[in-house]
Amino acid sequence: MNAHNPDPSRPMDVMRSDIRMICHDLSNPLGILRMAVYFLQSSQGDPEKRAHYFTMMNESLDKMEGHLKRLRAMAVDEQKQGES
């Protein structure tokens, strides 16, 4: 391939790589949320522990929201590239 005829599969490879990375990054907060829910369901009402787990859940949700925003931005960028 040369500069005038770029490899058409390259953007797709980059997008697949980004999607794999985001899926991996979403798995961590999901695991934390599952663990926190389990401990909240099984805890005996210790207020400090409950506050800690609610904080963990909130932070995990914030991370997931950030990852989803990145994914949306990638989708918009991909759409704009397709229109060019």
C-alpha atoms as a PDB file:
ATOM      1  CA  MET A   1       0.000   0.000   0.000  1.00  0.00           C
ATOM      2  CA  ASN A   2       1.137   3.562  -0.593  1.00  0.00           C
ATOM      3  CA  ALA A   3       0.102   7.009   0.632  1.00  0.00           C
ATOM      4  CA  HIS A   4      -2.375   7.387  -2.231  1.00  0.00           C
ATOM      5  CA  ASN A   5      -3.981   4.015  -1.612  1.00  0.00           C
ATOM      6  CA  PRO A   6      -4.031   3.346   2.166  1.00  0.00           C
ATOM      7  CA  ASP A   7      -4.912  -0.051   3.589  1.00  0.00           C
ATOM      8  CA  PRO A   8      -8.721   0.083   4.034  1.00  0.00           C
ATOM      9  CA  SER A   9      -8.632  -2.516   6.815  1.00  0.00           C
ATOM     10  CA  ARG A  10      -6.388  -0.331   9.029  1.00  0.00           C
ATOM     11  CA  PRO A  11      -9.155   1.899  10.483  1.00  0.00           C
ATOM     12  CA  MET A  12     -11.200  -1.228  11.249  1.00  0.00           C
ATOM     13  CA  ASP A  13      -8.215  -2.800  13.041  1.00  0.00           C
ATOM     14  CA  VAL A  14      -7.805   0.320  15.159  1.00  0.00           C
ATOM     15  CA  MET A  15     -11.515   0.365  15.966  1.00  0.00           C
ATOM     16  CA  ARG A  16     -11.470  -3.314  16.960  1.00  0.00           C
ATOM     17  CA  SER A  17      -8.482  -2.699  19.201  1.00  0.00           C
ATOM     18  CA  ASP A  18     -10.239   0.247  20.852  1.00  0.00           C
ATOM     19  CA  ILE A  19     -13.389  -1.807  21.384  1.00  0.00           C
ATOM     20  CA  ARG A  20     -11.390  -4.637  22.995  1.00  0.00           C
ATOM     21  CA  MET A  21      -9.701  -2.105  25.294  1.00  0.00           C
ATOM     22  CA  ILE A  22     -13.009  -0.536  26.324  1.00  0.00           C
ATOM     23  CA  CYS A  23     -14.586  -3.951  26.952  1.00  0.00           C
ATOM     24  CA  HIS A  24     -11.634  -4.836  29.164  1.00  0.00           C
ATOM     25  CA  ASP A  25     -11.875  -1.484  30.959  1.00  0.00           C
ATOM     26  CA  LEU A  26     -15.599  -2.010  31.597  1.00  0.00           C
ATOM     27  CA  SER A  27     -15.033  -5.470  33.064  1.00  0.00           C
ATOM     28  CA  ASN A  28     -13.138  -4.121  36.073  1.00  0.00           C
ATOM     29  CA  PRO A  29     -15.852  -1.747  37.343  1.00  0.00           C
ATOM     30  CA  LEU A  30     -18.492  -4.410  36.686  1.00  0.00           C
ATOM     31  CA  GLY A  31     -16.586  -6.844  38.896  1.00  0.00           C
ATOM     32  CA  ILE A  32     -16.299  -4.210  41.614  1.00  0.00           C
ATOM     33  CA  LEU A  33     -20.034  -3.500  41.396  1.00  0.00           C
ATOM     34  CA  ARG A  34     -20.879  -7.191  41.680  1.00  0.00           C
ATOM     35  CA  MET A  35     -18.605  -7.590  44.694  1.00  0.00           C
ATOM     36  CA  ALA A  36     -20.037  -4.487  46.375  1.00  0.00           C
ATOM     37  CA  VAL A  37     -23.618  -5.649  45.830  1.00  0.00           C
ATOM     38  CA  TYR A  38     -22.741  -9.056  47.280  1.00  0.00           C
ATOM     39  CA  PHE A  39     -21.182  -7.516  50.392  1.00  0.00           C
ATOM     40  CA  LEU A  40     -24.050  -5.051  50.828  1.00  0.00           C
ATOM     41  CA  GLN A  41     -26.537  -7.916  50.651  1.00  0.00           C
ATOM     42  CA  SER A  42     -24.594 -10.019  53.119  1.00  0.00           C
ATOM     43  CA  SER A  43     -23.370  -7.321  55.525  1.00  0.00           C
ATOM     44  CA  GLN A  44     -24.905  -6.958  58.942  1.00  0.00           C
ATOM     45  CA  GLY A  45     -25.480  -3.249  58.549  1.00  0.00           C
ATOM     46  CA  ASP A  46     -22.045  -1.907  59.513  1.00  0.00           C
ATOM     47  CA  PRO A  47     -22.478   1.756  58.449  1.00  0.00           C
ATOM     48  CA  GLU A  48     -18.784   2.250  57.635  1.00  0.00           C
ATOM     49  CA  LYS A  49     -18.651  -0.817  55.410  1.00  0.00           C
ATOM     50  CA  ARG A  50     -21.889   0.143  53.693  1.00  0.00           C
ATOM     51  CA  ALA A  51     -20.582   3.664  53.034  1.00  0.00           C
ATOM     52  CA  HIS A  52     -17.359   2.200  51.647  1.00  0.00           C
ATOM     53  CA  TYR A  53     -19.191  -0.124  49.268  1.00  0.00           C
ATOM     54  CA  PHE A  54     -21.535   2.629  48.108  1.00  0.00           C
ATOM     55  CA  THR A  55     -18.485   4.791  47.369  1.00  0.00           C
ATOM     56  CA  MET A  56     -16.914   1.928  45.413  1.00  0.00           C
ATOM     57  CA  MET A  57     -20.112   1.485  43.436  1.00  0.00           C
ATOM     58  CA  ASN A  58     -20.322   5.188  42.631  1.00  0.00           C
ATOM     59  CA  GLU A  59     -16.685   5.315  41.489  1.00  0.00           C
ATOM     60  CA  SER A  60     -17.200   2.231  39.324  1.00  0.00           C
ATOM     61  CA  LEU A  61     -20.272   3.742  37.715  1.00  0.00           C
ATOM     62  CA  ASP A  62     -18.301   6.929  37.001  1.00  0.00           C
ATOM     63  CA  LYS A  63     -15.571   4.875  35.304  1.00  0.00           C
ATOM     64  CA  MET A  64     -18.113   2.985  33.222  1.00  0.00           C
ATOM     65  CA  GLU A  65     -19.770   6.235  32.193  1.00  0.00           C
ATOM     66  CA  GLY A  66     -16.403   7.602  31.087  1.00  0.00           C
ATOM     67  CA  HIS A  67     -15.713   4.497  29.011  1.00  0.00           C
ATOM     68  CA  LEU A  68     -19.132   4.703  27.377  1.00  0.00           C
ATOM     69  CA  LYS A  69     -18.548   8.368  26.521  1.00  0.00           C
ATOM     70  CA  ARG A  70     -15.286   7.366  24.823  1.00  0.00           C
ATOM     71  CA  LEU A  71     -17.101   4.644  22.913  1.00  0.00           C
ATOM     72  CA  ARG A  72     -19.777   7.103  21.773  1.00  0.00           C
ATOM     73  CA  ALA A  73     -17.085   9.563  20.668  1.00  0.00           C
ATOM     74  CA  MET A  74     -15.401   6.807  18.662  1.00  0.00           C
ATOM     75  CA  ALA A  75     -18.705   5.971  16.977  1.00  0.00           C
ATOM     76  CA  VAL A  76     -19.242   9.621  16.041  1.00  0.00           C
ATOM     77  CA  ASP A  77     -15.669   9.897  14.717  1.00  0.00           C
ATOM     78  CA  GLU A  78     -16.153   6.726  12.671  1.00  0.00           C
ATOM     79  CA  GLN A  79     -19.417   8.082  11.267  1.00  0.00           C
ATOM     80  CA  LYS A  80     -17.745  11.388  10.297  1.00  0.00           C
ATOM     81  CA  GLN A  81     -14.921   9.506   8.587  1.00  0.00           C
ATOM     82  CA  GLY A  82     -17.467   7.516   6.601  1.00  0.00           C
ATOM     83  CA  GLU A  83     -19.113  10.717   5.417  1.00  0.00           C
ATOM     84  CA  SER A  84     -15.825  12.168   4.127  1.00  0.00           C
END
